[in-house]
């Protein structure tokens, strides 16, 4: 499970220019890197809990997206 529902306020307060999950990391974004690692681990299911930003369009179909308002 990748928890991705926070607003990223502390990240932006410290100088971040985008939502922290969409920040560049190892040639991708933070959330895409975390999801790729979860999928590569061969888990039975991978869930991403979203809320503050729309991420579903950035995630592969094998991921179950759970929206947290």
C-alpha atoms as a PDB file:
ATOM      1  CA  UNK A   1       0.000   0.000   0.000  1.00  0.00           C
ATOM      2  CA  UNK A   2       1.344   3.384  -1.018  1.00  0.00           C
ATOM      3  CA  UNK A   3      -0.096   6.222   1.044  1.00  0.00           C
ATOM      4  CA  UNK A   4      -0.414   9.209  -1.270  1.00  0.00           C
ATOM      5  CA  UNK A   5      -3.324  11.220   0.111  1.00  0.00           C
ATOM      6  CA  UNK A   6      -1.490  14.022   1.924  1.00  0.00           C
ATOM      7  CA  UNK A   7      -1.369  17.579   0.720  1.00  0.00           C
ATOM      8  CA  UNK A   8       2.420  17.936   0.790  1.00  0.00           C
ATOM      9  CA  UNK A   9       2.293  21.225   2.706  1.00  0.00           C
ATOM     10  CA  UNK A  10       5.605  20.709   4.537  1.00  0.00           C
ATOM     11  CA  UNK A  11       7.328  19.850   1.251  1.00  0.00           C
ATOM     12  CA  UNK A  12       6.049  23.029  -0.401  1.00  0.00           C
ATOM     13  CA  UNK A  13       6.841  25.072   2.721  1.00  0.00           C
ATOM     14  CA  UNK A  14      10.450  23.901   2.463  1.00  0.00           C
ATOM     15  CA  UNK A  15      10.755  25.090  -1.145  1.00  0.00           C
ATOM     16  CA  UNK A  16       9.156  22.329  -3.213  1.00  0.00           C
ATOM     17  CA  UNK A  17       7.555  23.628  -6.400  1.00  0.00           C
ATOM     18  CA  UNK A  18       5.125  20.752  -7.000  1.00  0.00           C
ATOM     19  CA  UNK A  19       3.285  18.180  -4.943  1.00  0.00           C
ATOM     20  CA  UNK A  20       5.921  15.960  -3.311  1.00  0.00           C
ATOM     21  CA  UNK A  21       4.573  12.806  -4.962  1.00  0.00           C
ATOM     22  CA  UNK A  22       5.032  14.373  -8.384  1.00  0.00           C
ATOM     23  CA  UNK A  23       8.563  15.568  -7.652  1.00  0.00           C
ATOM     24  CA  UNK A  24      11.316  14.093  -9.844  1.00  0.00           C
ATOM     25  CA  UNK A  25      13.042  11.044  -8.362  1.00  0.00           C
ATOM     26  CA  UNK A  26      15.415   8.636 -10.138  1.00  0.00           C
ATOM     27  CA  UNK A  27      14.157   9.521 -13.602  1.00  0.00           C
ATOM     28  CA  UNK A  28      10.477   9.335 -12.707  1.00  0.00           C
ATOM     29  CA  UNK A  29       8.290  10.779  -9.950  1.00  0.00           C
ATOM     30  CA  UNK A  30       8.219   9.799  -6.285  1.00  0.00           C
ATOM     31  CA  UNK A  31       4.850   8.038  -6.565  1.00  0.00           C
ATOM     32  CA  UNK A  32       5.720   6.259  -9.822  1.00  0.00           C
ATOM     33  CA  UNK A  33       8.987   5.022  -8.295  1.00  0.00           C
ATOM     34  CA  UNK A  34       7.225   3.721  -5.175  1.00  0.00           C
ATOM     35  CA  UNK A  35       4.551   1.958  -7.231  1.00  0.00           C
ATOM     36  CA  UNK A  36       7.125   0.407  -9.575  1.00  0.00           C
ATOM     37  CA  UNK A  37       8.999  -0.992  -6.554  1.00  0.00           C
ATOM     38  CA  UNK A  38       5.796  -2.442  -5.107  1.00  0.00           C
ATOM     39  CA  UNK A  39       4.881  -4.063  -8.427  1.00  0.00           C
ATOM     40  CA  UNK A  40       8.410  -5.431  -8.883  1.00  0.00           C
ATOM     41  CA  UNK A  41       8.209  -7.055  -5.433  1.00  0.00           C
ATOM     42  CA  UNK A  42       5.586  -9.438  -6.790  1.00  0.00           C
ATOM     43  CA  UNK A  43       2.934  -8.604  -4.224  1.00  0.00           C
ATOM     44  CA  UNK A  44      -0.538 -10.057  -4.695  1.00  0.00           C
ATOM     45  CA  UNK A  45      -2.018  -6.559  -4.904  1.00  0.00           C
ATOM     46  CA  UNK A  46      -0.806  -2.978  -4.911  1.00  0.00           C
ATOM     47  CA  UNK A  47      -3.012  -0.193  -3.589  1.00  0.00           C
ATOM     48  CA  UNK A  48      -2.445   3.557  -3.766  1.00  0.00           C
ATOM     49  CA  UNK A  49      -4.493   5.763  -1.440  1.00  0.00           C
ATOM     50  CA  UNK A  50      -4.971   9.170  -3.065  1.00  0.00           C
ATOM     51  CA  UNK A  51      -6.665  12.367  -1.992  1.00  0.00           C
ATOM     52  CA  UNK A  52      -4.908  15.712  -2.315  1.00  0.00           C
ATOM     53  CA  UNK A  53      -3.911  15.355  -5.970  1.00  0.00           C
ATOM     54  CA  UNK A  54      -5.209  13.275  -8.862  1.00  0.00           C
ATOM     55  CA  UNK A  55      -2.767  10.433  -9.482  1.00  0.00           C
ATOM     56  CA  UNK A  56      -4.823   7.701 -11.141  1.00  0.00           C
ATOM     57  CA  UNK A  57      -3.797   8.718 -14.668  1.00  0.00           C
ATOM     58  CA  UNK A  58      -0.107   8.288 -13.708  1.00  0.00           C
ATOM     59  CA  UNK A  59      -0.504   4.759 -12.349  1.00  0.00           C
ATOM     60  CA  UNK A  60      -0.467   1.454 -14.218  1.00  0.00           C
ATOM     61  CA  UNK A  61      -3.695  -0.571 -14.559  1.00  0.00           C
ATOM     62  CA  UNK A  62      -2.368  -3.234 -12.156  1.00  0.00           C
ATOM     63  CA  UNK A  63      -2.722  -0.752  -9.279  1.00  0.00           C
ATOM     64  CA  UNK A  64      -5.945  -0.340  -7.315  1.00  0.00           C
ATOM     65  CA  UNK A  65      -6.557   3.334  -6.543  1.00  0.00           C
ATOM     66  CA  UNK A  66      -8.456   4.144  -3.350  1.00  0.00           C
ATOM     67  CA  UNK A  67      -9.684   7.737  -3.084  1.00  0.00           C
ATOM     68  CA  UNK A  68      -9.582   9.308   0.367  1.00  0.00           C
ATOM     69  CA  UNK A  69     -11.454  12.618   0.421  1.00  0.00           C
END
